[in-house]
Structures are given as structure tokens and as C-alpha cells.
Amino acid sequence: MLVRRTLLVLATALAIPNAYAQAPAAPQVTAAPSEQMPAYEVASIRPWNGDGFGIPLRGYIQNAFGIPGNSIGWVIGPEWINSARYVIRAKPPDSIRDAMQKMSPEDRIKEGRLMAQALLADRFKLKAHFETREMPLYDLVPAKGGAKLKEDPDSTKGAIAVGASRIRATAAPIHNLIDALESVADIGGQVVIDKTGLTGRYDFSLKWMPLQTAAAPGGESGAAPPPDAEGASLFTAIEEQLGLKLVSTKGPGQVLVIDHIEKPSEN
């Protein structure tokens, strides 16, 4: 059974999904009390042997701290975390599993991240802290004419689906759209900051043509587009279909800096 351990975490990063770019310039880093750190009951960690699907350790770290998978530059650590792939299987105690089933989707995500952080601290000896650095960002702002999202206050219907070239949502808050956009390859791993002023829940659908399907130099086309892709780029589609706009800028971002990490013993 995994012991409960103290892990340095940024409190605001666990409280809001996009805290990496919206935290104060001098963030307060605190040690989470061990009794507040939920842990997996059983965990198996094995180096990837080439069969099936293995995830780079960086991916597990980013997932544990809510850092979008495309945001490579937002984790600073040794090079081997990019190449070392692992297969990790873990089971929470029945008490935590039952409690998570009664939580909101947002709280389930937070609880899962805390358990993942505890696992990384216990088995990989991870020690890390957050630093504020100037990073490339996107501001999401209203386009000329205003937002085109349909308000839907029924939180019981809240859902969002994200594909390679489409995002569909029902009764979703804007931070769900932000999270979805950050996961899209066309964003290039940059963080998106909500400056829409929209505070409700909304129904919306967004379709676009992924960048990799555009013509390459010399006239060769890229990968075949998904069957439901439309001709506009993501940036154009956001403006035309949602009445919002992505504006490229720079600003303070919370970067996770790894102070110490070890390769685990296999079990």
C-alpha cells in the first residue's frame, strides 16, 4: 500500500484548472498536509517493453498537475522524462473510489490529480515547485459583434466532447472550452486565458480544419482531414462560429520545475 506523503503543490493550481497562467506573480507554494493527500491502495509501475501503449513520464507528470499535454515547455526537468515510457496501473481504496463517484466532475479530476501526485512523490521521489516565467499565451476575448454561444443554465446536462477537429458542449462553463482548446494540437501547447467575461453555462459546437491537413511546402498536402472537419482554421472557426477570438500575447505563467526525480524500481 502506498504511504501518504507530503508533496509540494501550488494551492491555486489545484483550485482552478488554468491557474498556471493566472496565479499571482509571486505564488505561495505550500506543503499539502499528509492526511489531506489521498493515495492509491495498489500501484504497478513497469517500464514500457514496446508492447501496447506506454506513456512518457512527462505525460504522467503533466496529467498529475493539470498541465495540458501539448504544453511541453511548462515542465522543466531532466531530458530522460521525455523518453522514459512507463505503464502505470493503480487502484484507489474502495472508500476513495466510492467518495469520488459522488463528486462533481471537477472534484473527481482534482482528487485523481492528488492521488497521481502522491504516487509520483512516493515511487519516483518527485520534488518540484512552481515558478513564474514569461510565456507565450493566447487570450480568449469576444470578437467584433460579441459571443455567439447559447446560454444553457442546466448544470445537470453539463458535458463536453473533444475530437481532432471538433468540440461540442452542452451547458458547459467557459473554462471547459479553455481546457479543450489547450488540448488541441493547433494551439501549439500554449495556455489560453479566459478574458471573455462570460460567466454562465453554454451550448456550442466548433468545427475546423486541423493545421496538419493544410498544404505543405511544395504543394504536398498533409494528413487526410477528419471526416467531420470543415475548411476554416481553428482560429477562424472560433471567431466565425463562437463569436470569440484568440489573441497571441505573452504573460506570466506558472512553470513546474522538477528539483528531484528518480527512476523507480520495477514491481
C-alpha atoms as a PDB file:
ATOM      1  CA  MET A   1       0.000   0.000   0.000  1.00  0.00           C
ATOM      2  CA  LEU A   2       1.300   3.469  -0.806  1.00  0.00           C
ATOM      3  CA  VAL A   3       2.085   5.648   2.146  1.00  0.00           C
ATOM      4  CA  ARG A   4       0.601   9.101   2.236  1.00  0.00           C
ATOM      5  CA  ARG A   5       3.327  11.634   1.583  1.00  0.00           C
ATOM      6  CA  THR A   6       3.749  15.371   1.623  1.00  0.00           C
ATOM      7  CA  LEU A   7       4.235  16.847  -1.833  1.00  0.00           C
ATOM      8  CA  LEU A   8       4.911  20.469  -2.638  1.00  0.00           C
ATOM      9  CA  VAL A   9       1.963  21.774  -4.591  1.00  0.00           C
ATOM     10  CA  LEU A  10       0.702  25.180  -5.609  1.00  0.00           C
ATOM     11  CA  ALA A  11      -2.634  25.542  -3.876  1.00  0.00           C
ATOM     12  CA  THR A  12      -4.153  27.698  -6.608  1.00  0.00           C
ATOM     13  CA  ALA A  13      -3.137  25.199  -9.278  1.00  0.00           C
ATOM     14  CA  LEU A  14      -5.361  22.606  -7.646  1.00  0.00           C
ATOM     15  CA  ALA A  15      -8.203  25.051  -7.146  1.00  0.00           C
ATOM     16  CA  ILE A  16      -8.702  26.278 -10.708  1.00  0.00           C
ATOM     17  CA  PRO A  17      -7.956  24.468 -13.978  1.00  0.00           C
ATOM     18  CA  ASN A  18      -5.974  27.269 -15.628  1.00  0.00           C
ATOM     19  CA  ALA A  19      -4.026  28.549 -12.639  1.00  0.00           C
ATOM     20  CA  TYR A  20      -0.695  28.159 -14.438  1.00  0.00           C
ATOM     21  CA  ALA A  21      -1.204  31.407 -16.246  1.00  0.00           C
ATOM     22  CA  GLN A  22      -3.486  33.248 -13.836  1.00  0.00           C
ATOM     23  CA  ALA A  23      -1.722  32.863 -10.486  1.00  0.00           C
ATOM     24  CA  PRO A  24      -0.147  35.909  -8.804  1.00  0.00           C
ATOM     25  CA  ALA A  25       3.362  36.893  -9.873  1.00  0.00           C
ATOM     26  CA  ALA A  26       4.748  35.704  -6.523  1.00  0.00           C
ATOM     27  CA  PRO A  27       2.823  32.482  -5.888  1.00  0.00           C
ATOM     28  CA  GLN A  28       2.662  30.943  -2.449  1.00  0.00           C
ATOM     29  CA  VAL A  29       3.873  27.351  -2.533  1.00  0.00           C
ATOM     30  CA  THR A  30       2.684  25.262   0.392  1.00  0.00           C
ATOM     31  CA  ALA A  31       3.141  21.687   1.529  1.00  0.00           C
ATOM     32  CA  ALA A  32      -0.132  19.772   1.470  1.00  0.00           C
ATOM     33  CA  PRO A  33      -0.664  18.050   4.859  1.00  0.00           C
ATOM     34  CA  SER A  34      -0.150  14.303   4.515  1.00  0.00           C
ATOM     35  CA  GLU A  35      -3.605  13.494   5.857  1.00  0.00           C
ATOM     36  CA  GLN A  36      -5.084  15.549   3.010  1.00  0.00           C
ATOM     37  CA  MET A  37      -3.170  13.693   0.309  1.00  0.00           C
ATOM     38  CA  PRO A  38      -5.233  10.746  -0.956  1.00  0.00           C
ATOM     39  CA  ALA A  39      -3.171   7.789  -2.149  1.00  0.00           C
ATOM     40  CA  TYR A  40      -3.702   4.736  -4.314  1.00  0.00           C
ATOM     41  CA  GLU A  41      -4.102   1.468  -2.456  1.00  0.00           C
ATOM     42  CA  VAL A  42      -2.176  -0.580  -5.028  1.00  0.00           C
ATOM     43  CA  ALA A  43       0.023   0.581  -7.900  1.00  0.00           C
ATOM     44  CA  SER A  44       2.103  -1.224 -10.525  1.00  0.00           C
ATOM     45  CA  ILE A  45       4.821   0.648 -12.428  1.00  0.00           C
ATOM     46  CA  ARG A  46       6.659  -1.057 -15.266  1.00  0.00           C
ATOM     47  CA  PRO A  47       8.963   0.310 -17.966  1.00  0.00           C
ATOM     48  CA  TRP A  48       7.335   0.060 -21.371  1.00  0.00           C
ATOM     49  CA  ASN A  49       8.602  -3.009 -23.265  1.00  0.00           C
ATOM     50  CA  GLY A  50       7.294  -1.949 -26.663  1.00  0.00           C
ATOM     51  CA  ASP A  51       4.010  -3.823 -26.425  1.00  0.00           C
ATOM     52  CA  GLY A  52       0.757  -1.947 -26.147  1.00  0.00           C
ATOM     53  CA  PHE A  53       0.911   1.697 -25.148  1.00  0.00           C
ATOM     54  CA  GLY A  54       3.499   3.328 -22.898  1.00  0.00           C
ATOM     55  CA  ILE A  55       3.335   6.951 -21.775  1.00  0.00           C
ATOM     56  CA  PRO A  56       6.416   9.168 -21.293  1.00  0.00           C
ATOM     57  CA  LEU A  57       6.922  10.078 -17.652  1.00  0.00           C
ATOM     58  CA  ARG A  58       6.456  13.726 -18.591  1.00  0.00           C
ATOM     59  CA  GLY A  59       2.895  12.869 -19.617  1.00  0.00           C
ATOM     60  CA  TYR A  60       2.109  11.401 -16.213  1.00  0.00           C
ATOM     61  CA  ILE A  61       3.590  14.468 -14.512  1.00  0.00           C
ATOM     62  CA  GLN A  62       1.603  16.869 -16.669  1.00  0.00           C
ATOM     63  CA  ASN A  63      -1.579  14.934 -16.051  1.00  0.00           C
ATOM     64  CA  ALA A  64      -0.967  14.929 -12.276  1.00  0.00           C
ATOM     65  CA  PHE A  65      -0.643  18.709 -12.191  1.00  0.00           C
ATOM     66  CA  GLY A  66      -3.307  19.534 -14.776  1.00  0.00           C
ATOM     67  CA  ILE A  67      -0.820  20.798 -17.358  1.00  0.00           C
ATOM     68  CA  PRO A  68      -2.125  20.330 -20.922  1.00  0.00           C
ATOM     69  CA  GLY A  69      -0.364  17.532 -22.789  1.00  0.00           C
ATOM     70  CA  ASN A  70       0.791  19.841 -25.594  1.00  0.00           C
ATOM     71  CA  SER A  71       2.412  22.282 -23.137  1.00  0.00           C
ATOM     72  CA  ILE A  72       5.890  20.751 -23.165  1.00  0.00           C
ATOM     73  CA  GLY A  73       7.656  23.970 -22.129  1.00  0.00           C
ATOM     74  CA  TRP A  74       5.621  24.256 -18.949  1.00  0.00           C
ATOM     75  CA  VAL A  75       7.526  21.414 -17.225  1.00  0.00           C
ATOM     76  CA  ILE A  76      11.255  21.927 -16.648  1.00  0.00           C
ATOM     77  CA  GLY A  77      13.139  18.759 -15.768  1.00  0.00           C
ATOM     78  CA  PRO A  78      15.740  16.190 -16.878  1.00  0.00           C
ATOM     79  CA  GLU A  79      15.660  15.082 -20.506  1.00  0.00           C
ATOM     80  CA  TRP A  80      15.034  11.419 -19.650  1.00  0.00           C
ATOM     81  CA  ILE A  81      11.444  12.126 -18.529  1.00  0.00           C
ATOM     82  CA  ASN A  82      10.644  12.717 -22.218  1.00  0.00           C
ATOM     83  CA  SER A  83      11.985   9.373 -23.423  1.00  0.00           C
ATOM     84  CA  ALA A  84      11.364   7.018 -20.484  1.00  0.00           C
ATOM     85  CA  ARG A  85       7.958   5.419 -21.015  1.00  0.00           C
ATOM     86  CA  TYR A  86       6.009   3.566 -18.351  1.00  0.00           C
ATOM     87  CA  VAL A  87       2.857   1.551 -17.952  1.00  0.00           C
ATOM     88  CA  ILE A  88       1.238   2.542 -14.666  1.00  0.00           C
ATOM     89  CA  ARG A  89      -1.818   0.809 -13.279  1.00  0.00           C
ATOM     90  CA  ALA A  90      -3.251   1.899  -9.961  1.00  0.00           C
ATOM     91  CA  LYS A  91      -6.310   1.196  -7.827  1.00  0.00           C
ATOM     92  CA  PRO A  92      -7.673   3.602  -5.207  1.00  0.00           C
ATOM     93  CA  PRO A  93      -9.060   2.372  -1.893  1.00  0.00           C
ATOM     94  CA  ASP A  94     -12.750   1.495  -2.028  1.00  0.00           C
ATOM     95  CA  SER A  95     -13.527   4.402   0.307  1.00  0.00           C
ATOM     96  CA  ILE A  96     -11.957   6.941  -2.063  1.00  0.00           C
ATOM     97  CA  ARG A  97     -13.484   5.297  -5.131  1.00  0.00           C
ATOM     98  CA  ASP A  98     -16.959   5.427  -3.571  1.00  0.00           C
ATOM     99  CA  ALA A  99     -16.477   9.039  -2.496  1.00  0.00           C
ATOM    100  CA  MET A 100     -15.328  10.053  -5.987  1.00  0.00           C
ATOM    101  CA  GLN A 101     -18.484   8.611  -7.531  1.00  0.00           C
ATOM    102  CA  LYS A 102     -20.465  11.189  -5.544  1.00  0.00           C
ATOM    103  CA  MET A 103     -18.237  14.116  -6.508  1.00  0.00           C
ATOM    104  CA  SER A 104     -18.733  16.630  -9.282  1.00  0.00           C
ATOM    105  CA  PRO A 105     -16.632  16.007 -12.414  1.00  0.00           C
ATOM    106  CA  GLU A 106     -14.311  18.871 -11.411  1.00  0.00           C
ATOM    107  CA  ASP A 107     -13.770  17.458  -7.903  1.00  0.00           C
ATOM    108  CA  ARG A 108     -13.144  13.958  -9.287  1.00  0.00           C
ATOM    109  CA  ILE A 109     -10.415  15.383 -11.500  1.00  0.00           C
ATOM    110  CA  LYS A 110      -8.818  17.174  -8.543  1.00  0.00           C
ATOM    111  CA  GLU A 111      -8.919  14.033  -6.408  1.00  0.00           C
ATOM    112  CA  GLY A 112      -7.387  11.972  -9.199  1.00  0.00           C
ATOM    113  CA  ARG A 113      -4.607  14.517  -9.620  1.00  0.00           C
ATOM    114  CA  LEU A 114      -3.825  14.454  -5.895  1.00  0.00           C
ATOM    115  CA  MET A 115      -3.516  10.661  -5.969  1.00  0.00           C
ATOM    116  CA  ALA A 116      -1.268  10.879  -9.031  1.00  0.00           C
ATOM    117  CA  GLN A 117       0.927  13.445  -7.274  1.00  0.00           C
ATOM    118  CA  ALA A 118       1.194  11.183  -4.229  1.00  0.00           C
ATOM    119  CA  LEU A 119       2.192   8.280  -6.494  1.00  0.00           C
ATOM    120  CA  LEU A 120       4.901  10.328  -8.202  1.00  0.00           C
ATOM    121  CA  ALA A 121       6.252  11.507  -4.850  1.00  0.00           C
ATOM    122  CA  ASP A 122       6.285   8.003  -3.397  1.00  0.00           C
ATOM    123  CA  ARG A 123       7.609   5.942  -6.289  1.00  0.00           C
ATOM    124  CA  PHE A 124       9.580   8.447  -8.384  1.00  0.00           C
ATOM    125  CA  LYS A 125      10.716  10.568  -5.400  1.00  0.00           C
ATOM    126  CA  LEU A 126       9.394  13.634  -7.198  1.00  0.00           C
ATOM    127  CA  LYS A 127      10.083  17.003  -5.641  1.00  0.00           C
ATOM    128  CA  ALA A 128       9.002  20.057  -7.586  1.00  0.00           C
ATOM    129  CA  HIS A 129       7.996  23.672  -7.299  1.00  0.00           C
ATOM    130  CA  PHE A 130       6.289  26.288  -9.443  1.00  0.00           C
ATOM    131  CA  GLU A 131       7.996  29.373 -10.830  1.00  0.00           C
ATOM    132  CA  THR A 132       6.546  32.369 -12.619  1.00  0.00           C
ATOM    133  CA  ARG A 133       8.103  32.929 -16.041  1.00  0.00           C
ATOM    134  CA  GLU A 134       7.102  34.941 -19.077  1.00  0.00           C
ATOM    135  CA  MET A 135       5.486  32.533 -21.525  1.00  0.00           C
ATOM    136  CA  PRO A 136       3.667  32.761 -24.876  1.00  0.00           C
ATOM    137  CA  LEU A 137      -0.089  32.721 -24.281  1.00  0.00           C
ATOM    138  CA  TYR A 138      -3.408  33.208 -26.005  1.00  0.00           C
ATOM    139  CA  ASP A 139      -6.116  35.493 -24.650  1.00  0.00           C
ATOM    140  CA  LEU A 140      -9.647  34.359 -25.496  1.00  0.00           C
ATOM    141  CA  VAL A 141     -11.685  37.527 -25.987  1.00  0.00           C
ATOM    142  CA  PRO A 142     -15.056  38.458 -27.528  1.00  0.00           C
ATOM    143  CA  ALA A 143     -14.846  39.033 -31.278  1.00  0.00           C
ATOM    144  CA  LYS A 144     -16.391  42.014 -33.017  1.00  0.00           C
ATOM    145  CA  GLY A 145     -20.148  41.630 -32.661  1.00  0.00           C
ATOM    146  CA  GLY A 146     -19.909  39.617 -29.439  1.00  0.00           C
ATOM    147  CA  ALA A 147     -20.142  35.974 -28.445  1.00  0.00           C
ATOM    148  CA  LYS A 148     -22.493  33.616 -30.298  1.00  0.00           C
ATOM    149  CA  LEU A 149     -22.810  30.963 -27.575  1.00  0.00           C
ATOM    150  CA  LYS A 150     -26.282  29.871 -26.463  1.00  0.00           C
ATOM    151  CA  GLU A 151     -26.742  30.115 -22.706  1.00  0.00           C
ATOM    152  CA  ASP A 152     -27.953  26.921 -21.003  1.00  0.00           C
ATOM    153  CA  PRO A 153     -28.057  27.153 -17.181  1.00  0.00           C
ATOM    154  CA  ASP A 154     -28.993  23.493 -16.589  1.00  0.00           C
ATOM    155  CA  SER A 155     -25.801  22.181 -14.972  1.00  0.00           C
ATOM    156  CA  THR A 156     -27.213  18.630 -14.849  1.00  0.00           C
ATOM    157  CA  LYS A 157     -26.740  18.440 -18.632  1.00  0.00           C
ATOM    158  CA  GLY A 158     -23.144  19.639 -18.495  1.00  0.00           C
ATOM    159  CA  ALA A 159     -20.965  17.774 -20.994  1.00  0.00           C
ATOM    160  CA  ILE A 160     -18.175  18.411 -23.484  1.00  0.00           C
ATOM    161  CA  ALA A 161     -16.665  16.204 -26.195  1.00  0.00           C
ATOM    162  CA  VAL A 162     -13.330  16.999 -27.844  1.00  0.00           C
ATOM    163  CA  GLY A 163     -12.151  15.496 -31.130  1.00  0.00           C
ATOM    164  CA  ALA A 164      -9.315  16.114 -33.564  1.00  0.00           C
ATOM    165  CA  SER A 165     -11.294  18.812 -35.374  1.00  0.00           C
ATOM    166  CA  ARG A 166     -14.444  19.341 -33.330  1.00  0.00           C
ATOM    167  CA  ILE A 167     -15.598  20.461 -29.894  1.00  0.00           C
ATOM    168  CA  ARG A 168     -19.214  20.039 -28.813  1.00  0.00           C
ATOM    169  CA  ALA A 169     -20.599  21.144 -25.473  1.00  0.00           C
ATOM    170  CA  THR A 170     -23.861  21.278 -23.584  1.00  0.00           C
ATOM    171  CA  ALA A 171     -24.360  23.536 -20.559  1.00  0.00           C
ATOM    172  CA  ALA A 172     -20.584  23.942 -20.247  1.00  0.00           C
ATOM    173  CA  PRO A 173     -18.785  26.796 -18.485  1.00  0.00           C
ATOM    174  CA  ILE A 174     -16.165  28.720 -20.407  1.00  0.00           C
ATOM    175  CA  HIS A 175     -13.300  27.076 -18.536  1.00  0.00           C
ATOM    176  CA  ASN A 176     -14.325  23.783 -20.194  1.00  0.00           C
ATOM    177  CA  LEU A 177     -13.816  25.431 -23.586  1.00  0.00           C
ATOM    178  CA  ILE A 178     -10.454  26.772 -22.400  1.00  0.00           C
ATOM    179  CA  ASP A 179      -9.330  23.293 -21.313  1.00  0.00           C
ATOM    180  CA  ALA A 180     -10.495  21.807 -24.609  1.00  0.00           C
ATOM    181  CA  LEU A 181      -8.658  24.412 -26.694  1.00  0.00           C
ATOM    182  CA  GLU A 182      -5.420  23.861 -24.759  1.00  0.00           C
ATOM    183  CA  SER A 183      -5.558  20.172 -25.651  1.00  0.00           C
ATOM    184  CA  VAL A 184      -5.828  20.862 -29.396  1.00  0.00           C
ATOM    185  CA  ALA A 185      -2.611  20.477 -31.390  1.00  0.00           C
ATOM    186  CA  ASP A 186      -3.271  23.685 -33.363  1.00  0.00           C
ATOM    187  CA  ILE A 187      -2.771  25.724 -30.173  1.00  0.00           C
ATOM    188  CA  GLY A 188       0.856  24.562 -30.061  1.00  0.00           C
ATOM    189  CA  GLY A 189       0.948  23.821 -26.355  1.00  0.00           C
ATOM    190  CA  GLN A 190       0.213  27.386 -25.290  1.00  0.00           C
ATOM    191  CA  VAL A 191      -2.015  28.284 -22.381  1.00  0.00           C
ATOM    192  CA  VAL A 192      -5.307  30.048 -23.098  1.00  0.00           C
ATOM    193  CA  ILE A 193      -6.520  32.786 -20.736  1.00  0.00           C
ATOM    194  CA  ASP A 194     -10.229  33.491 -20.348  1.00  0.00           C
ATOM    195  CA  LYS A 195     -10.922  37.172 -20.995  1.00  0.00           C
ATOM    196  CA  THR A 196     -14.402  36.696 -22.404  1.00  0.00           C
ATOM    197  CA  GLY A 197     -16.288  37.952 -19.357  1.00  0.00           C
ATOM    198  CA  LEU A 198     -18.733  35.059 -19.845  1.00  0.00           C
ATOM    199  CA  THR A 199     -19.743  33.539 -16.503  1.00  0.00           C
ATOM    200  CA  GLY A 200     -22.665  31.235 -17.374  1.00  0.00           C
ATOM    201  CA  ARG A 201     -23.019  27.799 -18.976  1.00  0.00           C
ATOM    202  CA  TYR A 202     -23.360  27.470 -22.719  1.00  0.00           C
ATOM    203  CA  ASP A 203     -24.204  25.156 -25.611  1.00  0.00           C
ATOM    204  CA  PHE A 204     -21.808  25.387 -28.538  1.00  0.00           C
ATOM    205  CA  SER A 205     -20.288  23.438 -31.403  1.00  0.00           C
ATOM    206  CA  LEU A 206     -16.970  24.175 -33.076  1.00  0.00           C
ATOM    207  CA  LYS A 207     -15.568  22.567 -36.248  1.00  0.00           C
ATOM    208  CA  TRP A 208     -12.321  23.377 -38.032  1.00  0.00           C
ATOM    209  CA  MET A 209      -9.677  22.071 -40.410  1.00  0.00           C
ATOM    210  CA  PRO A 210      -6.573  20.976 -38.439  1.00  0.00           C
ATOM    211  CA  LEU A 211      -3.317  22.677 -39.375  1.00  0.00           C
ATOM    212  CA  GLN A 212      -1.581  19.406 -40.290  1.00  0.00           C
ATOM    213  CA  THR A 213      -4.041  18.909 -43.160  1.00  0.00           C
ATOM    214  CA  ALA A 214      -3.026  22.151 -44.854  1.00  0.00           C
ATOM    215  CA  ALA A 215      -0.817  22.099 -47.935  1.00  0.00           C
ATOM    216  CA  ALA A 216       2.846  21.621 -47.101  1.00  0.00           C
ATOM    217  CA  PRO A 217       5.725  23.466 -48.868  1.00  0.00           C
ATOM    218  CA  GLY A 218       5.963  22.297 -52.456  1.00  0.00           C
ATOM    219  CA  GLY A 219       2.237  21.727 -52.719  1.00  0.00           C
ATOM    220  CA  GLU A 220       2.054  18.368 -50.953  1.00  0.00           C
ATOM    221  CA  SER A 221      -0.915  18.007 -48.667  1.00  0.00           C
ATOM    222  CA  GLY A 222      -0.640  16.799 -45.089  1.00  0.00           C
ATOM    223  CA  ALA A 223      -2.619  14.060 -43.410  1.00  0.00           C
ATOM    224  CA  ALA A 224      -6.152  13.408 -44.587  1.00  0.00           C
ATOM    225  CA  PRO A 225      -8.612  15.596 -42.647  1.00  0.00           C
ATOM    226  CA  PRO A 226     -11.040  14.017 -40.177  1.00  0.00           C
ATOM    227  CA  PRO A 227     -14.397  13.273 -41.853  1.00  0.00           C
ATOM    228  CA  ASP A 228     -16.230  15.996 -39.897  1.00  0.00           C
ATOM    229  CA  ALA A 229     -13.584  18.716 -40.402  1.00  0.00           C
ATOM    230  CA  GLU A 230     -14.608  21.979 -42.035  1.00  0.00           C
ATOM    231  CA  GLY A 231     -12.479  24.264 -44.163  1.00  0.00           C
ATOM    232  CA  ALA A 232     -11.743  27.077 -41.693  1.00  0.00           C
ATOM    233  CA  SER A 233      -8.682  27.048 -39.443  1.00  0.00           C
ATOM    234  CA  LEU A 234      -9.242  26.775 -35.702  1.00  0.00           C
ATOM    235  CA  PHE A 235      -8.632  30.486 -35.215  1.00  0.00           C
ATOM    236  CA  THR A 236     -11.063  31.499 -37.959  1.00  0.00           C
ATOM    237  CA  ALA A 237     -13.664  28.963 -36.815  1.00  0.00           C
ATOM    238  CA  ILE A 238     -13.600  30.255 -33.237  1.00  0.00           C
ATOM    239  CA  GLU A 239     -14.332  33.756 -34.476  1.00  0.00           C
ATOM    240  CA  GLU A 240     -16.958  32.807 -37.054  1.00  0.00           C
ATOM    241  CA  GLN A 241     -18.772  30.076 -35.107  1.00  0.00           C
ATOM    242  CA  LEU A 242     -18.414  31.179 -31.470  1.00  0.00           C
ATOM    243  CA  GLY A 243     -18.012  34.928 -31.772  1.00  0.00           C
ATOM    244  CA  LEU A 244     -14.759  34.718 -29.810  1.00  0.00           C
ATOM    245  CA  LYS A 245     -11.163  35.389 -30.783  1.00  0.00           C
ATOM    246  CA  LEU A 246      -7.718  34.054 -29.817  1.00  0.00           C
ATOM    247  CA  VAL A 247      -5.144  36.821 -29.440  1.00  0.00           C
ATOM    248  CA  SER A 248      -1.452  35.893 -29.232  1.00  0.00           C
ATOM    249  CA  THR A 249       0.382  37.559 -26.346  1.00  0.00           C
ATOM    250  CA  LYS A 250       2.877  36.945 -23.564  1.00  0.00           C
ATOM    251  CA  GLY A 251       2.366  36.905 -19.844  1.00  0.00           C
ATOM    252  CA  PRO A 252       3.365  35.367 -16.523  1.00  0.00           C
ATOM    253  CA  GLY A 253       2.867  31.622 -16.422  1.00  0.00           C
ATOM    254  CA  GLN A 254       3.332  29.089 -13.658  1.00  0.00           C
ATOM    255  CA  VAL A 255       6.003  26.600 -14.804  1.00  0.00           C
ATOM    256  CA  LEU A 256       6.546  23.337 -12.914  1.00  0.00           C
ATOM    257  CA  VAL A 257      10.255  22.961 -12.142  1.00  0.00           C
ATOM    258  CA  ILE A 258      11.421  19.488 -11.133  1.00  0.00           C
ATOM    259  CA  ASP A 259      14.007  19.644  -8.346  1.00  0.00           C
ATOM    260  CA  HIS A 260      14.493  15.885  -7.982  1.00  0.00           C
ATOM    261  CA  ILE A 261      13.137  12.746  -9.622  1.00  0.00           C
ATOM    262  CA  GLU A 262      14.356   9.145  -9.809  1.00  0.00           C
ATOM    263  CA  LYS A 263      13.622   6.133 -11.946  1.00  0.00           C
ATOM    264  CA  PRO A 264      11.509   3.739  -9.850  1.00  0.00           C
ATOM    265  CA  SER A 265      12.254   0.127  -9.012  1.00  0.00           C
ATOM    266  CA  GLU A 266      10.054  -2.203 -11.075  1.00  0.00           C
ATOM    267  CA  ASN A 267       7.218  -4.026  -9.348  1.00  0.00           C
END
